[in-house]
Full PDB file with SEQRES, HELIX, SHEET, SSBOND, CRYST1, ORIGX, SCALE, CONECT and MASTER records, all heavy atoms in Angstrom:
SEQRES   1 A   32  GLN LEU ALA LEU LEU PRO LEU ALA LYS ALA ASP ARG LEU          
SEQRES   2 A   32  GLY GLU ILE HIS VAL THR GLY ILE THR GLY SER THR GLY          
SEQRES   3 A   32  ALA GLY GLN LYS PRO GLN                                      
HELIX    1 AA1 LEU A    5  LYS A    9  1                                   5    
HELIX    2 AA2 SER A   24  ALA A   27  5                                   4    
CRYST1    1.000    1.000    1.000  90.00  90.00  90.00 P 1           1          
ORIGX1      1.000000  0.000000  0.000000        0.00000                         
ORIGX2      0.000000  1.000000  0.000000        0.00000                         
ORIGX3      0.000000  0.000000  1.000000        0.00000                         
SCALE1      1.000000  0.000000  0.000000        0.00000                         
SCALE2      0.000000  1.000000  0.000000        0.00000                         
SCALE3      0.000000  0.000000  1.000000        0.00000                         
ATOM      1  N   GLN A   1     -48.415 -25.048  -3.448  1.00  0.00           N  
ATOM      2  CA  GLN A   1     -47.984 -23.839  -2.703  1.00  0.00           C  
ATOM      3  C   GLN A   1     -46.491 -23.659  -2.765  1.00  0.00           C  
ATOM      4  O   GLN A   1     -46.022 -22.520  -2.904  1.00  0.00           O  
ATOM      5  CB  GLN A   1     -48.466 -23.996  -1.236  1.00  0.00           C  
ATOM      6  CG  GLN A   1     -49.953 -23.818  -1.050  1.00  0.00           C  
ATOM      7  CD  GLN A   1     -50.424 -24.136   0.332  1.00  0.00           C  
ATOM      8  OE1 GLN A   1     -50.882 -23.238   1.026  1.00  0.00           O  
ATOM      9  NE2 GLN A   1     -50.312 -25.371   0.764  1.00  0.00           N  
ATOM     10  N   LEU A   2     -45.695 -24.695  -2.630  1.00  0.00           N  
ATOM     11  CA  LEU A   2     -44.280 -24.540  -2.688  1.00  0.00           C  
ATOM     12  C   LEU A   2     -43.816 -24.091  -4.069  1.00  0.00           C  
ATOM     13  O   LEU A   2     -42.814 -23.393  -4.209  1.00  0.00           O  
ATOM     14  CB  LEU A   2     -43.573 -25.899  -2.351  1.00  0.00           C  
ATOM     15  CG  LEU A   2     -43.728 -26.325  -0.881  1.00  0.00           C  
ATOM     16  CD1 LEU A   2     -43.108 -27.699  -0.640  1.00  0.00           C  
ATOM     17  CD2 LEU A   2     -43.165 -25.282   0.097  1.00  0.00           C  
ATOM     18  N   ALA A   3     -44.632 -24.379  -5.084  1.00  0.00           N  
ATOM     19  CA  ALA A   3     -44.306 -23.854  -6.434  1.00  0.00           C  
ATOM     20  C   ALA A   3     -44.570 -22.368  -6.569  1.00  0.00           C  
ATOM     21  O   ALA A   3     -44.017 -21.721  -7.482  1.00  0.00           O  
ATOM     22  CB  ALA A   3     -45.158 -24.625  -7.461  1.00  0.00           C  
ATOM     23  N   LEU A   4     -45.416 -21.810  -5.679  1.00  0.00           N  
ATOM     24  CA  LEU A   4     -45.877 -20.437  -5.837  1.00  0.00           C  
ATOM     25  C   LEU A   4     -45.465 -19.434  -4.725  1.00  0.00           C  
ATOM     26  O   LEU A   4     -45.596 -18.237  -4.904  1.00  0.00           O  
ATOM     27  CB  LEU A   4     -47.414 -20.441  -5.958  1.00  0.00           C  
ATOM     28  CG  LEU A   4     -47.978 -21.100  -7.230  1.00  0.00           C  
ATOM     29  CD1 LEU A   4     -49.475 -21.277  -7.056  1.00  0.00           C  
ATOM     30  CD2 LEU A   4     -47.678 -20.218  -8.440  1.00  0.00           C  
ATOM     31  N   LEU A   5     -44.938 -19.963  -3.614  1.00  0.00           N  
ATOM     32  CA  LEU A   5     -44.661 -19.072  -2.510  1.00  0.00           C  
ATOM     33  C   LEU A   5     -43.712 -17.904  -2.871  1.00  0.00           C  
ATOM     34  O   LEU A   5     -43.983 -16.738  -2.453  1.00  0.00           O  
ATOM     35  CB  LEU A   5     -44.073 -19.850  -1.345  1.00  0.00           C  
ATOM     36  CG  LEU A   5     -44.993 -20.817  -0.601  1.00  0.00           C  
ATOM     37  CD1 LEU A   5     -44.223 -21.507   0.579  1.00  0.00           C  
ATOM     38  CD2 LEU A   5     -46.224 -20.151  -0.075  1.00  0.00           C  
ATOM     39  N   PRO A   6     -42.602 -18.105  -3.572  1.00  0.00           N  
ATOM     40  CA  PRO A   6     -41.763 -17.005  -3.890  1.00  0.00           C  
ATOM     41  C   PRO A   6     -42.429 -15.945  -4.729  1.00  0.00           C  
ATOM     42  O   PRO A   6     -42.218 -14.721  -4.471  1.00  0.00           O  
ATOM     43  CB  PRO A   6     -40.577 -17.647  -4.645  1.00  0.00           C  
ATOM     44  CG  PRO A   6     -40.570 -19.070  -4.168  1.00  0.00           C  
ATOM     45  CD  PRO A   6     -42.022 -19.385  -4.016  1.00  0.00           C  
ATOM     46  N   LEU A   7     -43.243 -16.297  -5.673  1.00  0.00           N  
ATOM     47  CA  LEU A   7     -43.964 -15.314  -6.482  1.00  0.00           C  
ATOM     48  C   LEU A   7     -44.993 -14.596  -5.678  1.00  0.00           C  
ATOM     49  O   LEU A   7     -45.242 -13.386  -5.854  1.00  0.00           O  
ATOM     50  CB  LEU A   7     -44.616 -16.010  -7.722  1.00  0.00           C  
ATOM     51  CG  LEU A   7     -43.669 -16.480  -8.821  1.00  0.00           C  
ATOM     52  CD1 LEU A   7     -44.412 -17.286  -9.842  1.00  0.00           C  
ATOM     53  CD2 LEU A   7     -42.953 -15.282  -9.462  1.00  0.00           C  
ATOM     54  N   ALA A   8     -45.686 -15.322  -4.770  1.00  0.00           N  
ATOM     55  CA  ALA A   8     -46.649 -14.655  -3.875  1.00  0.00           C  
ATOM     56  C   ALA A   8     -45.973 -13.656  -2.954  1.00  0.00           C  
ATOM     57  O   ALA A   8     -46.489 -12.533  -2.851  1.00  0.00           O  
ATOM     58  CB  ALA A   8     -47.402 -15.750  -3.028  1.00  0.00           C  
ATOM     59  N   LYS A   9     -44.886 -14.035  -2.382  1.00  0.00           N  
ATOM     60  CA  LYS A   9     -44.166 -13.129  -1.501  1.00  0.00           C  
ATOM     61  C   LYS A   9     -43.703 -11.884  -2.232  1.00  0.00           C  
ATOM     62  O   LYS A   9     -43.707 -10.768  -1.660  1.00  0.00           O  
ATOM     63  CB  LYS A   9     -42.935 -13.842  -0.888  1.00  0.00           C  
ATOM     64  CG  LYS A   9     -42.218 -13.052   0.186  1.00  0.00           C  
ATOM     65  CD  LYS A   9     -43.023 -12.925   1.460  1.00  0.00           C  
ATOM     66  CE  LYS A   9     -42.281 -12.269   2.593  1.00  0.00           C  
ATOM     67  NZ  LYS A   9     -43.075 -12.085   3.797  1.00  0.00           N  
ATOM     68  N   ALA A  10     -43.342 -12.012  -3.512  1.00  0.00           N  
ATOM     69  CA  ALA A  10     -42.897 -10.880  -4.337  1.00  0.00           C  
ATOM     70  C   ALA A  10     -44.073 -10.157  -4.994  1.00  0.00           C  
ATOM     71  O   ALA A  10     -43.844  -9.201  -5.750  1.00  0.00           O  
ATOM     72  CB  ALA A  10     -41.937 -11.373  -5.418  1.00  0.00           C  
ATOM     73  N   ASP A  11     -45.314 -10.562  -4.683  1.00  0.00           N  
ATOM     74  CA  ASP A  11     -46.503  -9.975  -5.233  1.00  0.00           C  
ATOM     75  C   ASP A  11     -46.483 -10.021  -6.776  1.00  0.00           C  
ATOM     76  O   ASP A  11     -46.816  -9.018  -7.474  1.00  0.00           O  
ATOM     77  CB  ASP A  11     -46.702  -8.539  -4.772  1.00  0.00           C  
ATOM     78  CG  ASP A  11     -48.139  -8.028  -4.934  1.00  0.00           C  
ATOM     79  OD1 ASP A  11     -49.016  -8.869  -5.117  1.00  0.00           O  
ATOM     80  OD2 ASP A  11     -48.333  -6.801  -4.921  1.00  0.00           O  
ATOM     81  N   ARG A  12     -46.176 -11.193  -7.377  1.00  0.00           N  
ATOM     82  CA  ARG A  12     -46.069 -11.391  -8.789  1.00  0.00           C  
ATOM     83  C   ARG A  12     -47.055 -12.453  -9.277  1.00  0.00           C  
ATOM     84  O   ARG A  12     -46.856 -13.027 -10.346  1.00  0.00           O  
ATOM     85  CB  ARG A  12     -44.653 -11.830  -9.176  1.00  0.00           C  
ATOM     86  CG  ARG A  12     -43.599 -10.772  -8.835  1.00  0.00           C  
ATOM     87  CD  ARG A  12     -43.555  -9.646  -9.834  1.00  0.00           C  
ATOM     88  NE  ARG A  12     -42.491  -8.711  -9.579  1.00  0.00           N  
ATOM     89  CZ  ARG A  12     -42.062  -7.823 -10.442  1.00  0.00           C  
ATOM     90  NH1 ARG A  12     -42.637  -7.727 -11.629  1.00  0.00           N  
ATOM     91  NH2 ARG A  12     -41.067  -7.006 -10.150  1.00  0.00           N  
ATOM     92  N   LEU A  13     -48.108 -12.667  -8.554  1.00  0.00           N  
ATOM     93  CA  LEU A  13     -49.056 -13.687  -8.964  1.00  0.00           C  
ATOM     94  C   LEU A  13     -50.042 -13.091  -9.931  1.00  0.00           C  
ATOM     95  O   LEU A  13     -50.370 -11.896  -9.913  1.00  0.00           O  
ATOM     96  CB  LEU A  13     -49.823 -14.221  -7.748  1.00  0.00           C  
ATOM     97  CG  LEU A  13     -49.048 -15.050  -6.757  1.00  0.00           C  
ATOM     98  CD1 LEU A  13     -49.945 -15.419  -5.541  1.00  0.00           C  
ATOM     99  CD2 LEU A  13     -48.458 -16.298  -7.384  1.00  0.00           C  
ATOM    100  N   GLY A  14     -50.622 -13.946 -10.796  1.00  0.00           N  
ATOM    101  CA  GLY A  14     -51.708 -13.605 -11.680  1.00  0.00           C  
ATOM    102  C   GLY A  14     -52.645 -14.768 -11.767  1.00  0.00           C  
ATOM    103  O   GLY A  14     -52.835 -15.513 -10.780  1.00  0.00           O  
ATOM    104  N   GLU A  15     -53.276 -14.994 -12.910  1.00  0.00           N  
ATOM    105  CA  GLU A  15     -54.085 -16.182 -13.128  1.00  0.00           C  
ATOM    106  C   GLU A  15     -53.160 -17.413 -13.129  1.00  0.00           C  
ATOM    107  O   GLU A  15     -52.169 -17.439 -13.840  1.00  0.00           O  
ATOM    108  CB  GLU A  15     -54.814 -16.057 -14.445  1.00  0.00           C  
ATOM    109  CG  GLU A  15     -55.862 -17.084 -14.729  1.00  0.00           C  
ATOM    110  CD  GLU A  15     -57.222 -16.729 -14.106  1.00  0.00           C  
ATOM    111  OE1 GLU A  15     -57.332 -15.699 -13.399  1.00  0.00           O  
ATOM    112  OE2 GLU A  15     -58.151 -17.510 -14.325  1.00  0.00           O  
ATOM    113  N   ILE A  16     -53.504 -18.390 -12.327  1.00  0.00           N  
ATOM    114  CA  ILE A  16     -52.618 -19.586 -12.155  1.00  0.00           C  
ATOM    115  C   ILE A  16     -53.260 -20.823 -12.789  1.00  0.00           C  
ATOM    116  O   ILE A  16     -54.436 -21.084 -12.618  1.00  0.00           O  
ATOM    117  CB  ILE A  16     -52.408 -19.813 -10.619  1.00  0.00           C  
ATOM    118  CG1 ILE A  16     -51.734 -18.611  -9.988  1.00  0.00           C  
ATOM    119  CG2 ILE A  16     -51.617 -21.092 -10.394  1.00  0.00           C  
ATOM    120  CD1 ILE A  16     -51.818 -18.611  -8.465  1.00  0.00           C  
ATOM    121  N   HIS A  17     -52.414 -21.530 -13.503  1.00  0.00           N  
ATOM    122  CA  HIS A  17     -52.851 -22.782 -14.155  1.00  0.00           C  
ATOM    123  C   HIS A  17     -52.011 -23.928 -13.672  1.00  0.00           C  
ATOM    124  O   HIS A  17     -50.764 -23.848 -13.683  1.00  0.00           O  
ATOM    125  CB  HIS A  17     -52.731 -22.647 -15.675  1.00  0.00           C  
ATOM    126  CG  HIS A  17     -53.483 -21.500 -16.246  1.00  0.00           C  
ATOM    127  ND1 HIS A  17     -54.796 -21.566 -16.652  1.00  0.00           N  
ATOM    128  CD2 HIS A  17     -53.132 -20.186 -16.417  1.00  0.00           C  
ATOM    129  CE1 HIS A  17     -55.196 -20.395 -17.081  1.00  0.00           C  
ATOM    130  NE2 HIS A  17     -54.223 -19.539 -16.925  1.00  0.00           N  
ATOM    131  N   VAL A  18     -52.645 -25.026 -13.248  1.00  0.00           N  
ATOM    132  CA  VAL A  18     -51.978 -26.165 -12.687  1.00  0.00           C  
ATOM    133  C   VAL A  18     -52.532 -27.492 -13.297  1.00  0.00           C  
ATOM    134  O   VAL A  18     -53.772 -27.648 -13.278  1.00  0.00           O  
ATOM    135  CB  VAL A  18     -52.073 -26.251 -11.145  1.00  0.00           C  
ATOM    136  CG1 VAL A  18     -51.252 -27.387 -10.583  1.00  0.00           C  
ATOM    137  CG2 VAL A  18     -51.723 -24.910 -10.495  1.00  0.00           C  
ATOM    138  N   THR A  19     -51.632 -28.358 -13.696  1.00  0.00           N  
ATOM    139  CA  THR A  19     -51.990 -29.729 -13.907  1.00  0.00           C  
ATOM    140  C   THR A  19     -51.151 -30.567 -12.956  1.00  0.00           C  
ATOM    141  O   THR A  19     -49.945 -30.424 -12.933  1.00  0.00           O  
ATOM    142  CB  THR A  19     -51.756 -30.165 -15.353  1.00  0.00           C  
ATOM    143  OG1 THR A  19     -52.522 -29.384 -16.241  1.00  0.00           O  
ATOM    144  CG2 THR A  19     -52.164 -31.629 -15.550  1.00  0.00           C  
ATOM    145  N   GLY A  20     -51.776 -31.412 -12.160  1.00  0.00           N  
ATOM    146  CA  GLY A  20     -51.041 -32.199 -11.187  1.00  0.00           C  
ATOM    147  C   GLY A  20     -51.422 -33.668 -11.321  1.00  0.00           C  
ATOM    148  O   GLY A  20     -52.595 -34.011 -11.496  1.00  0.00           O  
ATOM    149  N   ILE A  21     -50.428 -34.521 -11.189  1.00  0.00           N  
ATOM    150  CA  ILE A  21     -50.649 -35.953 -11.250  1.00  0.00           C  
ATOM    151  C   ILE A  21     -50.231 -36.593  -9.929  1.00  0.00           C  
ATOM    152  O   ILE A  21     -49.137 -36.259  -9.412  1.00  0.00           O  
ATOM    153  CB  ILE A  21     -49.939 -36.608 -12.442  1.00  0.00           C  
ATOM    154  CG1 ILE A  21     -50.286 -38.094 -12.580  1.00  0.00           C  
ATOM    155  CG2 ILE A  21     -48.452 -36.373 -12.410  1.00  0.00           C  
ATOM    156  CD1 ILE A  21     -49.860 -38.704 -13.856  1.00  0.00           C  
ATOM    157  N   THR A  22     -51.040 -37.509  -9.371  1.00  0.00           N  
ATOM    158  CA  THR A  22     -50.719 -38.050  -8.037  1.00  0.00           C  
ATOM    159  C   THR A  22     -50.830 -39.585  -8.075  1.00  0.00           C  
ATOM    160  O   THR A  22     -51.537 -40.177  -8.894  1.00  0.00           O  
ATOM    161  CB  THR A  22     -51.736 -37.524  -7.016  1.00  0.00           C  
ATOM    162  OG1 THR A  22     -51.350 -38.023  -5.717  1.00  0.00           O  
ATOM    163  CG2 THR A  22     -53.163 -37.924  -7.312  1.00  0.00           C  
ATOM    164  N   GLY A  23     -50.085 -40.201  -7.154  1.00  0.00           N  
ATOM    165  CA  GLY A  23     -50.136 -41.663  -6.973  1.00  0.00           C  
ATOM    166  C   GLY A  23     -51.352 -42.156  -6.313  1.00  0.00           C  
ATOM    167  O   GLY A  23     -52.114 -41.366  -5.679  1.00  0.00           O  
ATOM    168  N   SER A  24     -51.564 -43.442  -6.444  1.00  0.00           N  
ATOM    169  CA  SER A  24     -52.843 -44.047  -5.918  1.00  0.00           C  
ATOM    170  C   SER A  24     -52.957 -43.984  -4.396  1.00  0.00           C  
ATOM    171  O   SER A  24     -54.094 -44.018  -3.865  1.00  0.00           O  
ATOM    172  CB  SER A  24     -52.952 -45.501  -6.391  1.00  0.00           C  
ATOM    173  OG  SER A  24     -51.827 -46.254  -5.958  1.00  0.00           O  
ATOM    174  N   THR A  25     -51.850 -43.922  -3.679  1.00  0.00           N  
ATOM    175  CA  THR A  25     -51.922 -43.880  -2.215  1.00  0.00           C  
ATOM    176  C   THR A  25     -52.582 -42.581  -1.719  1.00  0.00           C  
ATOM    177  O   THR A  25     -53.029 -42.491  -0.590  1.00  0.00           O  
ATOM    178  CB  THR A  25     -50.512 -43.961  -1.571  1.00  0.00           C  
ATOM    179  OG1 THR A  25     -49.653 -43.007  -2.171  1.00  0.00           O  
ATOM    180  CG2 THR A  25     -49.964 -45.369  -1.787  1.00  0.00           C  
ATOM    181  N   GLY A  26     -52.651 -41.555  -2.596  1.00  0.00           N  
ATOM    182  CA  GLY A  26     -53.320 -40.309  -2.210  1.00  0.00           C  
ATOM    183  C   GLY A  26     -54.785 -40.472  -1.991  1.00  0.00           C  
ATOM    184  O   GLY A  26     -55.426 -39.651  -1.327  1.00  0.00           O  
ATOM    185  N   ALA A  27     -55.365 -41.593  -2.510  1.00  0.00           N  
ATOM    186  CA  ALA A  27     -56.759 -41.859  -2.301  1.00  0.00           C  
ATOM    187  C   ALA A  27     -57.063 -42.608  -1.015  1.00  0.00           C  
ATOM    188  O   ALA A  27     -58.216 -42.890  -0.700  1.00  0.00           O  
ATOM    189  CB  ALA A  27     -57.309 -42.665  -3.511  1.00  0.00           C  
ATOM    190  N   GLY A  28     -56.041 -42.938  -0.241  1.00  0.00           N  
ATOM    191  CA  GLY A  28     -56.223 -43.659   1.004  1.00  0.00           C  
ATOM    192  C   GLY A  28     -56.236 -45.149   0.842  1.00  0.00           C  
ATOM    193  O   GLY A  28     -56.263 -45.701  -0.278  1.00  0.00           O  
ATOM    194  N   GLN A  29     -56.293 -45.879   1.974  1.00  0.00           N  
ATOM    195  CA  GLN A  29     -56.147 -47.341   1.968  1.00  0.00           C  
ATOM    196  C   GLN A  29     -57.465 -48.026   1.684  1.00  0.00           C  
ATOM    197  O   GLN A  29     -57.480 -49.161   1.184  1.00  0.00           O  
ATOM    198  CB  GLN A  29     -55.583 -47.805   3.281  1.00  0.00           C  
ATOM    199  CG  GLN A  29     -55.134 -49.235   3.308  1.00  0.00           C  
ATOM    200  CD  GLN A  29     -54.466 -49.605   4.654  1.00  0.00           C  
ATOM    201  OE1 GLN A  29     -55.017 -49.286   5.704  1.00  0.00           O  
ATOM    202  NE2 GLN A  29     -53.333 -50.294   4.613  1.00  0.00           N  
ATOM    203  N   LYS A  30     -58.587 -47.419   1.990  1.00  0.00           N  
ATOM    204  CA  LYS A  30     -59.875 -48.045   1.791  1.00  0.00           C  
ATOM    205  C   LYS A  30     -60.151 -48.259   0.294  1.00  0.00           C  
ATOM    206  O   LYS A  30     -60.070 -47.315  -0.502  1.00  0.00           O  
ATOM    207  CB  LYS A  30     -60.979 -47.213   2.385  1.00  0.00           C  
ATOM    208  CG  LYS A  30     -62.365 -47.877   2.336  1.00  0.00           C  
ATOM    209  CD  LYS A  30     -63.418 -47.025   3.017  1.00  0.00           C  
ATOM    210  CE  LYS A  30     -64.777 -47.685   2.965  1.00  0.00           C  
ATOM    211  NZ  LYS A  30     -65.811 -46.872   3.624  1.00  0.00           N  
ATOM    212  N   PRO A  31     -60.403 -49.492  -0.118  1.00  0.00           N  
ATOM    213  CA  PRO A  31     -60.551 -49.767  -1.599  1.00  0.00           C  
ATOM    214  C   PRO A  31     -61.728 -49.017  -2.169  1.00  0.00           C  
ATOM    215  O   PRO A  31     -62.759 -48.820  -1.581  1.00  0.00           O  
ATOM    216  CB  PRO A  31     -60.839 -51.251  -1.609  1.00  0.00           C  
ATOM    217  CG  PRO A  31     -60.308 -51.799  -0.319  1.00  0.00           C  
ATOM    218  CD  PRO A  31     -60.487 -50.702   0.678  1.00  0.00           C  
ATOM    219  N   GLN A  32     -61.439 -48.456  -3.363  1.00  0.00           N  
ATOM    220  CA  GLN A  32     -62.426 -47.804  -4.187  1.00  0.00           C  
ATOM    221  C   GLN A  32     -62.351 -48.259  -5.608  1.00  0.00           C  
ATOM    222  O   GLN A  32     -61.306 -48.896  -5.979  1.00  0.00           O  
ATOM    223  CB  GLN A  32     -62.204 -46.247  -4.121  1.00  0.00           C  
ATOM    224  CG  GLN A  32     -62.187 -45.664  -2.737  1.00  0.00           C  
ATOM    225  CD  GLN A  32     -61.812 -44.186  -2.751  1.00  0.00           C  
ATOM    226  OE1 GLN A  32     -62.313 -43.423  -3.553  1.00  0.00           O  
ATOM    227  NE2 GLN A  32     -60.874 -43.800  -1.925  1.00  0.00           N  
TER     228      GLN A  32                                                      
MASTER        0    0    0    2    0    0    0    6  227    1    0    3          
END                                                                             
């Protein structure tokens, strides 16, 4: 969202493509 808010506010959005990589803590503490 922080990557897109200015374009959204300016009504300049179109088809959006995102690749995101996250650290292991994003999965929580319970082992998986």
